[in-house]
Amino acid sequence: MIPVTRDYLKLHFIVLLFGFTAVLGKLISLPSVEMVFYRTLLAAMGMGVLMILFRKSFTVSKNDLIIILLTSMIVAVHWITFFVSGKISNPSTSLVGFATCSFWAAIFEPLAKGKKIQFLEIGLGIMVLIGLCIILAFDFRYPLGLFLGVISGLTAAWFTVINSKIVNRVSTYTITFYEMIGACAFIVLFMPIYKATWAAKGELNLIPTTLDWFYLALLAWACSVYAYSVAIELTKKLSVFFIQLALNLEPVYGIILALLIFGQQEVMSLKFYAGTLIILSAVVLYPIMKRKTKV
C-alpha cells in the first residue's frame, strides 16, 4: 500500500504522544513508582481489550513467557527512572538523558547478536558523551535527573534489543500485553521495599486525584496502547527506517511541549541547548549514516 499524507501525519502525531509522556509524568501528582503501577495496569487492561477486539492471540510458549516476564522488570525500571528523572528535575532533562537510547542500542545490539561494534557507532557515541559533558560542565542544576534519564535510555535500549530477538516468534501485541502485566506485578512486589526506604513519610500514595486519573488514562491508553498500535499499523505503509527516524524527534517534541506547558520553569541555559543539539544530532545521524554504509 502506498503511504498518503494522512499516514505521515499519523506518524508524527504518535511521536508527539511519546514525547508528551514526560510532560504527563510531571503533571501527575502521584510519586513515580505509584504512577508507573497505574500506567502498567491500565496499559495491560487496554492492550487486552484491543487484542480481544482484533482477535489477537494470547498464546505464548513457556520459554518465551519467561523471557518476556524477565524483560518486564527492565521495562519497569525504565519507566520508574524516566519519571523520577522528570519529577526531580524537569521533562527537558529527562528527555535529553533518554535520547542516549540510540547510543546504548548501538552497543547492546551487536553484543547480543555476536557482531562487532562499528566505528561509526563508537564515533556517534562519543558525540553523545560530548553533549552530556557540555550540559554538566556549565552549572547544570539537575545532574541526578540527567543520570536517571540516561539510565532510562539504557534500559529502553536493553529491553528493545531483547524484544527484537523474540518478535519473530511472538506477536508484538502479545509481547506488550505480558510485559505490562509483568511490569505491574514487579512493581507490586517492589512496593514493600519502596515503602520502607524511599517512599515519602514511609507511606504509599495510591489515591489518584480526579485530574490524575485523566492524565493516567492519557498516559496508558493514548501514549501507550493507541500510539503503539498505530505504530505497528504504519509499518504496512512506511519503512521501519523512516519510522525510526521520525521517532528520533521524540525528545524535540517533548522539550517543545514542556516549554509551552511549564514555561519559565523549562527555560535552560544556552549551554544546555548546545549539548542537547549535539546529542540529538548524533541520534538523527546514526540511522542515516548506517543506511548509507549498507547501500
C-alpha atoms as a PDB file:
ATOM      1  CA  MET A   1       0.000   0.000   0.000  1.00  0.00           C
ATOM      2  CA  ILE A   2       1.245   3.479  -0.911  1.00  0.00           C
ATOM      3  CA  PRO A   3       1.541   5.931   2.008  1.00  0.00           C
ATOM      4  CA  VAL A   4      -0.507   9.115   1.876  1.00  0.00           C
ATOM      5  CA  THR A   5      -0.226  12.440   3.698  1.00  0.00           C
ATOM      6  CA  ARG A   6      -2.535  11.161   6.447  1.00  0.00           C
ATOM      7  CA  ASP A   7      -0.076   8.350   7.238  1.00  0.00           C
ATOM      8  CA  TYR A   8       2.803  10.790   7.694  1.00  0.00           C
ATOM      9  CA  LEU A   9       0.624  12.982   9.916  1.00  0.00           C
ATOM     10  CA  LYS A  10      -0.343   9.932  11.989  1.00  0.00           C
ATOM     11  CA  LEU A  11       3.321   9.049  12.427  1.00  0.00           C
ATOM     12  CA  HIS A  12       4.263  12.491  13.721  1.00  0.00           C
ATOM     13  CA  PHE A  13       1.184  12.540  15.949  1.00  0.00           C
ATOM     14  CA  ILE A  14       2.221   9.343  17.736  1.00  0.00           C
ATOM     15  CA  VAL A  15       5.789  10.649  18.082  1.00  0.00           C
ATOM     16  CA  LEU A  16       4.232  13.742  19.673  1.00  0.00           C
ATOM     17  CA  LEU A  17       2.319  11.452  22.067  1.00  0.00           C
ATOM     18  CA  PHE A  18       5.513   9.618  23.012  1.00  0.00           C
ATOM     19  CA  GLY A  19       7.189  12.960  23.728  1.00  0.00           C
ATOM     20  CA  PHE A  20       4.163  14.022  25.792  1.00  0.00           C
ATOM     21  CA  THR A  21       4.775  11.220  28.327  1.00  0.00           C
ATOM     22  CA  ALA A  22       7.467  13.280  30.118  1.00  0.00           C
ATOM     23  CA  VAL A  23       5.040  16.199  30.450  1.00  0.00           C
ATOM     24  CA  LEU A  24       2.284  13.934  31.796  1.00  0.00           C
ATOM     25  CA  GLY A  25       4.744  12.461  34.293  1.00  0.00           C
ATOM     26  CA  LYS A  26       5.328  15.955  35.663  1.00  0.00           C
ATOM     27  CA  LEU A  27       1.604  16.812  35.732  1.00  0.00           C
ATOM     28  CA  ILE A  28       0.539  13.682  37.645  1.00  0.00           C
ATOM     29  CA  SER A  29       0.732  14.288  41.400  1.00  0.00           C
ATOM     30  CA  LEU A  30       1.455  10.645  42.291  1.00  0.00           C
ATOM     31  CA  PRO A  31       5.057   9.612  43.038  1.00  0.00           C
ATOM     32  CA  SER A  32       6.820   7.836  40.172  1.00  0.00           C
ATOM     33  CA  VAL A  33       6.531   4.246  41.459  1.00  0.00           C
ATOM     34  CA  GLU A  34       2.793   4.542  42.107  1.00  0.00           C
ATOM     35  CA  MET A  35       2.326   6.294  38.771  1.00  0.00           C
ATOM     36  CA  VAL A  36       4.097   3.511  36.847  1.00  0.00           C
ATOM     37  CA  PHE A  37       1.975   0.940  38.714  1.00  0.00           C
ATOM     38  CA  TYR A  38      -1.213   2.552  37.394  1.00  0.00           C
ATOM     39  CA  ARG A  39       0.262   3.087  33.927  1.00  0.00           C
ATOM     40  CA  THR A  40       1.222  -0.570  33.530  1.00  0.00           C
ATOM     41  CA  LEU A  41      -2.084  -1.770  34.998  1.00  0.00           C
ATOM     42  CA  LEU A  42      -4.208   0.421  32.714  1.00  0.00           C
ATOM     43  CA  ALA A  43      -1.983  -0.303  29.693  1.00  0.00           C
ATOM     44  CA  ALA A  44      -2.303  -4.074  30.233  1.00  0.00           C
ATOM     45  CA  MET A  45      -6.074  -3.738  30.505  1.00  0.00           C
ATOM     46  CA  GLY A  46      -6.233  -1.556  27.396  1.00  0.00           C
ATOM     47  CA  MET A  47      -3.980  -3.849  25.370  1.00  0.00           C
ATOM     48  CA  GLY A  48      -6.000  -6.870  26.500  1.00  0.00           C
ATOM     49  CA  VAL A  49      -9.224  -5.264  25.272  1.00  0.00           C
ATOM     50  CA  LEU A  50      -7.523  -4.317  21.989  1.00  0.00           C
ATOM     51  CA  MET A  51      -6.318  -7.893  21.455  1.00  0.00           C
ATOM     52  CA  ILE A  52      -9.798  -9.273  22.095  1.00  0.00           C
ATOM     53  CA  LEU A  53     -11.387  -6.773  19.689  1.00  0.00           C
ATOM     54  CA  PHE A  54      -8.861  -7.528  16.931  1.00  0.00           C
ATOM     55  CA  ARG A  55      -8.740 -11.249  17.774  1.00  0.00           C
ATOM     56  CA  LYS A  56      -5.030 -11.330  18.558  1.00  0.00           C
ATOM     57  CA  SER A  57      -3.589 -14.441  20.176  1.00  0.00           C
ATOM     58  CA  PHE A  58      -2.656 -14.545  23.873  1.00  0.00           C
ATOM     59  CA  THR A  59      -0.778 -17.815  23.347  1.00  0.00           C
ATOM     60  CA  VAL A  60       2.945 -17.897  24.025  1.00  0.00           C
ATOM     61  CA  SER A  61       5.396 -20.699  24.780  1.00  0.00           C
ATOM     62  CA  LYS A  62       6.653 -21.241  28.329  1.00  0.00           C
ATOM     63  CA  ASN A  63      10.248 -20.261  27.467  1.00  0.00           C
ATOM     64  CA  ASP A  64       9.204 -17.079  25.664  1.00  0.00           C
ATOM     65  CA  LEU A  65       6.856 -16.158  28.519  1.00  0.00           C
ATOM     66  CA  ILE A  66       9.741 -16.442  30.998  1.00  0.00           C
ATOM     67  CA  ILE A  67      11.905 -14.171  28.797  1.00  0.00           C
ATOM     68  CA  ILE A  68       9.067 -11.653  28.406  1.00  0.00           C
ATOM     69  CA  LEU A  69       8.342 -11.544  32.152  1.00  0.00           C
ATOM     70  CA  LEU A  70      12.030 -11.081  32.985  1.00  0.00           C
ATOM     71  CA  THR A  71      12.199  -8.325  30.376  1.00  0.00           C
ATOM     72  CA  SER A  72       9.182  -6.678  32.000  1.00  0.00           C
ATOM     73  CA  MET A  73      11.353  -5.969  35.060  1.00  0.00           C
ATOM     74  CA  ILE A  74      13.667  -3.909  32.841  1.00  0.00           C
ATOM     75  CA  VAL A  75      10.620  -2.105  31.419  1.00  0.00           C
ATOM     76  CA  ALA A  76       9.502  -1.230  34.959  1.00  0.00           C
ATOM     77  CA  VAL A  77      12.953   0.129  35.863  1.00  0.00           C
ATOM     78  CA  HIS A  78      12.967   2.117  32.611  1.00  0.00           C
ATOM     79  CA  TRP A  79       9.689   3.890  33.326  1.00  0.00           C
ATOM     80  CA  ILE A  80      10.454   4.484  37.005  1.00  0.00           C
ATOM     81  CA  THR A  81      13.837   6.091  36.274  1.00  0.00           C
ATOM     82  CA  PHE A  82      12.335   8.127  33.418  1.00  0.00           C
ATOM     83  CA  PHE A  83       9.558   9.591  35.553  1.00  0.00           C
ATOM     84  CA  VAL A  84      11.723  10.078  38.650  1.00  0.00           C
ATOM     85  CA  SER A  85      14.142  11.984  36.410  1.00  0.00           C
ATOM     86  CA  GLY A  86      11.354  14.276  35.224  1.00  0.00           C
ATOM     87  CA  LYS A  87       9.987  14.852  38.730  1.00  0.00           C
ATOM     88  CA  ILE A  88      13.284  15.731  40.432  1.00  0.00           C
ATOM     89  CA  SER A  89      14.454  17.876  37.505  1.00  0.00           C
ATOM     90  CA  ASN A  90      12.170  18.705  34.560  1.00  0.00           C
ATOM     91  CA  PRO A  91      10.844  16.979  31.417  1.00  0.00           C
ATOM     92  CA  SER A  92      13.555  18.516  29.213  1.00  0.00           C
ATOM     93  CA  THR A  93      16.329  16.963  31.293  1.00  0.00           C
ATOM     94  CA  SER A  94      14.734  13.503  31.370  1.00  0.00           C
ATOM     95  CA  LEU A  95      14.191  13.590  27.590  1.00  0.00           C
ATOM     96  CA  VAL A  96      17.818  14.569  26.926  1.00  0.00           C
ATOM     97  CA  GLY A  97      19.013  11.647  29.055  1.00  0.00           C
ATOM     98  CA  PHE A  98      16.583   9.320  27.311  1.00  0.00           C
ATOM     99  CA  ALA A  99      17.950  10.472  23.925  1.00  0.00           C
ATOM    100  CA  THR A 100      21.061   8.366  24.631  1.00  0.00           C
ATOM    101  CA  CYS A 101      18.892   5.285  23.917  1.00  0.00           C
ATOM    102  CA  SER A 102      20.217   5.009  20.347  1.00  0.00           C
ATOM    103  CA  PHE A 103      23.806   5.063  21.622  1.00  0.00           C
ATOM    104  CA  TRP A 104      23.144   2.210  24.073  1.00  0.00           C
ATOM    105  CA  ALA A 105      21.304   0.234  21.388  1.00  0.00           C
ATOM    106  CA  ALA A 106      24.341   0.615  19.093  1.00  0.00           C
ATOM    107  CA  ILE A 107      26.388  -1.158  21.775  1.00  0.00           C
ATOM    108  CA  PHE A 108      23.891  -3.746  23.029  1.00  0.00           C
ATOM    109  CA  GLU A 109      22.573  -4.977  19.683  1.00  0.00           C
ATOM    110  CA  PRO A 110      25.895  -6.169  18.203  1.00  0.00           C
ATOM    111  CA  LEU A 111      26.855  -7.738  21.543  1.00  0.00           C
ATOM    112  CA  ALA A 112      23.515  -9.578  21.733  1.00  0.00           C
ATOM    113  CA  LYS A 113      23.804 -10.782  18.131  1.00  0.00           C
ATOM    114  CA  GLY A 114      27.506 -11.650  18.218  1.00  0.00           C
ATOM    115  CA  LYS A 115      28.597  -8.881  15.831  1.00  0.00           C
ATOM    116  CA  LYS A 116      31.431  -6.364  16.012  1.00  0.00           C
ATOM    117  CA  ILE A 117      30.735  -2.843  17.278  1.00  0.00           C
ATOM    118  CA  GLN A 118      31.135  -0.455  14.331  1.00  0.00           C
ATOM    119  CA  PHE A 119      33.462   2.585  14.355  1.00  0.00           C
ATOM    120  CA  LEU A 120      30.516   4.680  13.169  1.00  0.00           C
ATOM    121  CA  GLU A 121      28.592   3.763  16.312  1.00  0.00           C
ATOM    122  CA  ILE A 122      31.578   4.481  18.547  1.00  0.00           C
ATOM    123  CA  GLY A 123      32.036   7.904  16.914  1.00  0.00           C
ATOM    124  CA  LEU A 124      28.415   8.870  17.373  1.00  0.00           C
ATOM    125  CA  GLY A 125      28.546   7.544  20.925  1.00  0.00           C
ATOM    126  CA  ILE A 126      31.441   9.915  21.647  1.00  0.00           C
ATOM    127  CA  MET A 127      29.285  12.743  20.248  1.00  0.00           C
ATOM    128  CA  VAL A 128      26.594  11.874  22.774  1.00  0.00           C
ATOM    129  CA  LEU A 129      29.128  11.891  25.634  1.00  0.00           C
ATOM    130  CA  ILE A 130      30.477  15.280  24.488  1.00  0.00           C
ATOM    131  CA  GLY A 131      26.940  16.662  24.528  1.00  0.00           C
ATOM    132  CA  LEU A 132      26.380  15.358  28.062  1.00  0.00           C
ATOM    133  CA  CYS A 133      29.714  16.817  29.215  1.00  0.00           C
ATOM    134  CA  ILE A 134      28.774  20.239  27.830  1.00  0.00           C
ATOM    135  CA  ILE A 135      25.479  20.133  29.724  1.00  0.00           C
ATOM    136  CA  LEU A 136      27.101  19.055  33.002  1.00  0.00           C
ATOM    137  CA  ALA A 137      30.108  21.388  32.791  1.00  0.00           C
ATOM    138  CA  PHE A 138      28.223  24.679  32.991  1.00  0.00           C
ATOM    139  CA  ASP A 139      26.454  24.908  36.371  1.00  0.00           C
ATOM    140  CA  PHE A 140      23.840  22.347  35.448  1.00  0.00           C
ATOM    141  CA  ARG A 141      21.157  22.135  38.151  1.00  0.00           C
ATOM    142  CA  TYR A 142      19.963  18.565  37.646  1.00  0.00           C
ATOM    143  CA  PRO A 143      22.870  16.078  37.434  1.00  0.00           C
ATOM    144  CA  LEU A 144      20.893  13.296  39.205  1.00  0.00           C
ATOM    145  CA  GLY A 145      17.890  13.899  36.962  1.00  0.00           C
ATOM    146  CA  LEU A 146      20.103  13.650  33.876  1.00  0.00           C
ATOM    147  CA  PHE A 147      21.790  10.496  35.216  1.00  0.00           C
ATOM    148  CA  LEU A 148      18.424   8.804  35.771  1.00  0.00           C
ATOM    149  CA  GLY A 149      17.343   9.927  32.291  1.00  0.00           C
ATOM    150  CA  VAL A 150      20.431   8.216  30.861  1.00  0.00           C
ATOM    151  CA  ILE A 151      19.568   5.058  32.853  1.00  0.00           C
ATOM    152  CA  SER A 152      16.062   5.184  31.350  1.00  0.00           C
ATOM    153  CA  GLY A 153      17.639   5.364  27.885  1.00  0.00           C
ATOM    154  CA  LEU A 154      19.965   2.464  28.682  1.00  0.00           C
ATOM    155  CA  THR A 155      17.149   0.227  29.945  1.00  0.00           C
ATOM    156  CA  ALA A 156      14.941   1.172  26.975  1.00  0.00           C
ATOM    157  CA  ALA A 157      17.700   0.044  24.599  1.00  0.00           C
ATOM    158  CA  TRP A 158      18.172  -3.129  26.636  1.00  0.00           C
ATOM    159  CA  PHE A 159      14.563  -4.315  26.522  1.00  0.00           C
ATOM    160  CA  THR A 160      14.182  -3.231  22.877  1.00  0.00           C
ATOM    161  CA  VAL A 161      17.122  -5.438  21.854  1.00  0.00           C
ATOM    162  CA  ILE A 162      15.668  -8.368  23.816  1.00  0.00           C
ATOM    163  CA  ASN A 163      12.247  -7.871  22.213  1.00  0.00           C
ATOM    164  CA  SER A 164      13.825  -7.710  18.762  1.00  0.00           C
ATOM    165  CA  LYS A 165      15.135 -11.250  19.270  1.00  0.00           C
ATOM    166  CA  ILE A 166      11.725 -12.746  20.104  1.00  0.00           C
ATOM    167  CA  VAL A 167       9.424 -10.620  17.926  1.00  0.00           C
ATOM    168  CA  ASN A 168       9.724 -13.133  15.054  1.00  0.00           C
ATOM    169  CA  ARG A 169       8.215 -15.806  17.292  1.00  0.00           C
ATOM    170  CA  VAL A 170       5.696 -13.802  19.314  1.00  0.00           C
ATOM    171  CA  SER A 171       3.226 -11.096  18.245  1.00  0.00           C
ATOM    172  CA  THR A 172       4.175  -7.553  19.237  1.00  0.00           C
ATOM    173  CA  TYR A 173       0.744  -7.170  20.829  1.00  0.00           C
ATOM    174  CA  THR A 174       1.298 -10.313  22.913  1.00  0.00           C
ATOM    175  CA  ILE A 175       4.769  -9.172  23.983  1.00  0.00           C
ATOM    176  CA  THR A 176       3.440  -5.797  25.087  1.00  0.00           C
ATOM    177  CA  PHE A 177       0.460  -7.302  26.933  1.00  0.00           C
ATOM    178  CA  TYR A 178       2.565  -9.669  29.026  1.00  0.00           C
ATOM    179  CA  GLU A 179       5.320  -7.106  29.591  1.00  0.00           C
ATOM    180  CA  MET A 180       2.772  -4.667  31.006  1.00  0.00           C
ATOM    181  CA  ILE A 181       1.373  -7.369  33.304  1.00  0.00           C
ATOM    182  CA  GLY A 182       4.889  -8.396  34.347  1.00  0.00           C
ATOM    183  CA  ALA A 183       5.982  -4.802  34.992  1.00  0.00           C
ATOM    184  CA  CYS A 184       2.864  -4.191  37.073  1.00  0.00           C
ATOM    185  CA  ALA A 185       3.474  -7.372  39.105  1.00  0.00           C
ATOM    186  CA  PHE A 186       7.142  -6.427  39.610  1.00  0.00           C
ATOM    187  CA  ILE A 187       6.155  -3.017  40.986  1.00  0.00           C
ATOM    188  CA  VAL A 188       3.630  -4.621  43.358  1.00  0.00           C
ATOM    189  CA  LEU A 189       6.368  -6.935  44.701  1.00  0.00           C
ATOM    190  CA  PHE A 190       8.787  -3.985  44.925  1.00  0.00           C
ATOM    191  CA  MET A 191       6.364  -1.729  46.840  1.00  0.00           C
ATOM    192  CA  PRO A 192       7.147  -3.066  50.378  1.00  0.00           C
ATOM    193  CA  ILE A 193      10.862  -2.293  49.818  1.00  0.00           C
ATOM    194  CA  TYR A 194       9.971   1.072  48.304  1.00  0.00           C
ATOM    195  CA  LYS A 195       7.675   1.892  51.241  1.00  0.00           C
ATOM    196  CA  ALA A 196      10.385   1.047  53.778  1.00  0.00           C
ATOM    197  CA  THR A 197      13.106   3.060  52.020  1.00  0.00           C
ATOM    198  CA  TRP A 198      12.274   5.823  49.534  1.00  0.00           C
ATOM    199  CA  ALA A 199       8.530   6.463  49.867  1.00  0.00           C
ATOM    200  CA  ALA A 200       7.633   9.888  51.252  1.00  0.00           C
ATOM    201  CA  LYS A 201       6.986   9.610  55.019  1.00  0.00           C
ATOM    202  CA  GLY A 202       7.190   5.826  54.660  1.00  0.00           C
ATOM    203  CA  GLU A 203       3.733   5.629  53.096  1.00  0.00           C
ATOM    204  CA  LEU A 204       2.428   4.700  49.647  1.00  0.00           C
ATOM    205  CA  ASN A 205       0.341   7.256  47.760  1.00  0.00           C
ATOM    206  CA  LEU A 206      -2.142   5.126  45.826  1.00  0.00           C
ATOM    207  CA  ILE A 207      -5.061   7.564  45.729  1.00  0.00           C
ATOM    208  CA  PRO A 208      -5.002   9.494  42.432  1.00  0.00           C
ATOM    209  CA  THR A 209      -6.932  12.740  42.181  1.00  0.00           C
ATOM    210  CA  THR A 210      -9.659  13.104  39.574  1.00  0.00           C
ATOM    211  CA  LEU A 211      -7.216  15.012  37.356  1.00  0.00           C
ATOM    212  CA  ASP A 212      -4.583  12.305  37.933  1.00  0.00           C
ATOM    213  CA  TRP A 213      -6.991   9.663  36.600  1.00  0.00           C
ATOM    214  CA  PHE A 214      -7.436  11.736  33.443  1.00  0.00           C
ATOM    215  CA  TYR A 215      -3.664  12.088  32.948  1.00  0.00           C
ATOM    216  CA  LEU A 216      -3.092   8.394  33.769  1.00  0.00           C
ATOM    217  CA  ALA A 217      -5.691   7.385  31.183  1.00  0.00           C
ATOM    218  CA  LEU A 218      -3.911   9.544  28.575  1.00  0.00           C
ATOM    219  CA  LEU A 219      -0.557   8.078  29.589  1.00  0.00           C
ATOM    220  CA  ALA A 220      -1.702   4.450  29.462  1.00  0.00           C
ATOM    221  CA  TRP A 221      -4.207   4.420  26.617  1.00  0.00           C
ATOM    222  CA  ALA A 222      -3.228   7.309  24.317  1.00  0.00           C
ATOM    223  CA  CYS A 223       0.572   7.319  24.801  1.00  0.00           C
ATOM    224  CA  SER A 224       0.926   3.537  25.194  1.00  0.00           C
ATOM    225  CA  VAL A 225      -1.892   1.433  23.719  1.00  0.00           C
ATOM    226  CA  TYR A 226      -3.075   3.754  20.922  1.00  0.00           C
ATOM    227  CA  ALA A 227       0.339   5.084  19.893  1.00  0.00           C
ATOM    228  CA  TYR A 228       1.886   1.613  19.950  1.00  0.00           C
ATOM    229  CA  SER A 229      -0.904   0.010  17.888  1.00  0.00           C
ATOM    230  CA  VAL A 230      -0.812   2.820  15.301  1.00  0.00           C
ATOM    231  CA  ALA A 231       2.986   2.490  15.034  1.00  0.00           C
ATOM    232  CA  ILE A 232       2.573  -1.198  14.218  1.00  0.00           C
ATOM    233  CA  GLU A 233      -0.156  -0.462  11.678  1.00  0.00           C
ATOM    234  CA  LEU A 234       2.004   2.162   9.930  1.00  0.00           C
ATOM    235  CA  THR A 235       4.725  -0.426   9.234  1.00  0.00           C
ATOM    236  CA  LYS A 236       2.414  -1.714   6.493  1.00  0.00           C
ATOM    237  CA  LYS A 237       2.865   1.538   4.531  1.00  0.00           C
ATOM    238  CA  LEU A 238       6.043   3.202   5.833  1.00  0.00           C
ATOM    239  CA  SER A 239       9.518   1.706   6.069  1.00  0.00           C
ATOM    240  CA  VAL A 240      10.857   0.801   9.507  1.00  0.00           C
ATOM    241  CA  PHE A 241      13.830   3.099   8.795  1.00  0.00           C
ATOM    242  CA  PHE A 242      11.553   6.087   8.199  1.00  0.00           C
ATOM    243  CA  ILE A 243       9.511   5.358  11.330  1.00  0.00           C
ATOM    244  CA  GLN A 244      12.665   5.048  13.434  1.00  0.00           C
ATOM    245  CA  LEU A 245      13.992   8.308  12.003  1.00  0.00           C
ATOM    246  CA  ALA A 246      10.765  10.074  12.965  1.00  0.00           C
ATOM    247  CA  LEU A 247      10.873   8.573  16.475  1.00  0.00           C
ATOM    248  CA  ASN A 248      14.228  10.278  16.969  1.00  0.00           C
ATOM    249  CA  LEU A 249      12.232  13.532  17.107  1.00  0.00           C
ATOM    250  CA  GLU A 250      10.539  12.463  20.360  1.00  0.00           C
ATOM    251  CA  PRO A 251      12.910  14.467  22.639  1.00  0.00           C
ATOM    252  CA  VAL A 252      12.486  17.544  20.403  1.00  0.00           C
ATOM    253  CA  TYR A 253       8.693  17.379  20.543  1.00  0.00           C
ATOM    254  CA  GLY A 254       8.800  16.676  24.281  1.00  0.00           C
ATOM    255  CA  ILE A 255      11.030  19.653  25.062  1.00  0.00           C
ATOM    256  CA  ILE A 256       8.848  21.969  22.938  1.00  0.00           C
ATOM    257  CA  LEU A 257       5.687  20.723  24.704  1.00  0.00           C
ATOM    258  CA  ALA A 258       7.337  21.178  28.103  1.00  0.00           C
ATOM    259  CA  LEU A 259       8.292  24.757  27.224  1.00  0.00           C
ATOM    260  CA  LEU A 260       4.732  25.514  26.115  1.00  0.00           C
ATOM    261  CA  ILE A 261       3.118  23.972  29.212  1.00  0.00           C
ATOM    262  CA  PHE A 262       5.575  24.797  32.010  1.00  0.00           C
ATOM    263  CA  GLY A 263       7.010  27.993  30.543  1.00  0.00           C
ATOM    264  CA  GLN A 264       9.833  29.650  32.505  1.00  0.00           C
ATOM    265  CA  GLN A 265      10.402  26.515  34.577  1.00  0.00           C
ATOM    266  CA  GLU A 266      11.669  24.761  31.453  1.00  0.00           C
ATOM    267  CA  VAL A 267      13.948  27.531  30.171  1.00  0.00           C
ATOM    268  CA  MET A 268      17.553  26.346  30.414  1.00  0.00           C
ATOM    269  CA  SER A 269      20.955  27.878  29.622  1.00  0.00           C
ATOM    270  CA  LEU A 270      22.304  28.130  26.078  1.00  0.00           C
ATOM    271  CA  LYS A 271      24.913  25.523  27.039  1.00  0.00           C
ATOM    272  CA  PHE A 272      22.112  23.060  27.822  1.00  0.00           C
ATOM    273  CA  TYR A 273      20.590  23.543  24.383  1.00  0.00           C
ATOM    274  CA  ALA A 274      24.030  23.340  22.720  1.00  0.00           C
ATOM    275  CA  GLY A 275      24.684  19.997  24.402  1.00  0.00           C
ATOM    276  CA  THR A 276      21.158  18.846  23.592  1.00  0.00           C
ATOM    277  CA  LEU A 277      21.659  19.737  19.920  1.00  0.00           C
ATOM    278  CA  ILE A 278      24.840  17.636  19.783  1.00  0.00           C
ATOM    279  CA  ILE A 279      23.068  14.641  21.378  1.00  0.00           C
ATOM    280  CA  LEU A 280      20.079  14.879  19.053  1.00  0.00           C
ATOM    281  CA  SER A 281      22.387  15.309  16.035  1.00  0.00           C
ATOM    282  CA  ALA A 282      24.087  12.026  16.912  1.00  0.00           C
ATOM    283  CA  VAL A 283      20.711  10.334  17.358  1.00  0.00           C
ATOM    284  CA  VAL A 284      19.454  11.533  13.962  1.00  0.00           C
ATOM    285  CA  LEU A 285      22.734  10.930  12.113  1.00  0.00           C
ATOM    286  CA  TYR A 286      23.043   7.317  13.269  1.00  0.00           C
ATOM    287  CA  PRO A 287      20.222   5.763  11.171  1.00  0.00           C
ATOM    288  CA  ILE A 288      21.078   7.976   8.174  1.00  0.00           C
ATOM    289  CA  MET A 289      24.774   7.069   8.120  1.00  0.00           C
ATOM    290  CA  LYS A 290      24.018   3.450   8.998  1.00  0.00           C
ATOM    291  CA  ARG A 291      21.768   3.138   5.979  1.00  0.00           C
ATOM    292  CA  LYS A 292      24.347   4.764   3.674  1.00  0.00           C
ATOM    293  CA  THR A 293      27.015   2.263   4.738  1.00  0.00           C
ATOM    294  CA  LYS A 294      24.688  -0.558   3.642  1.00  0.00           C
ATOM    295  CA  VAL A 295      23.981   0.939   0.199  1.00  0.00           C
END
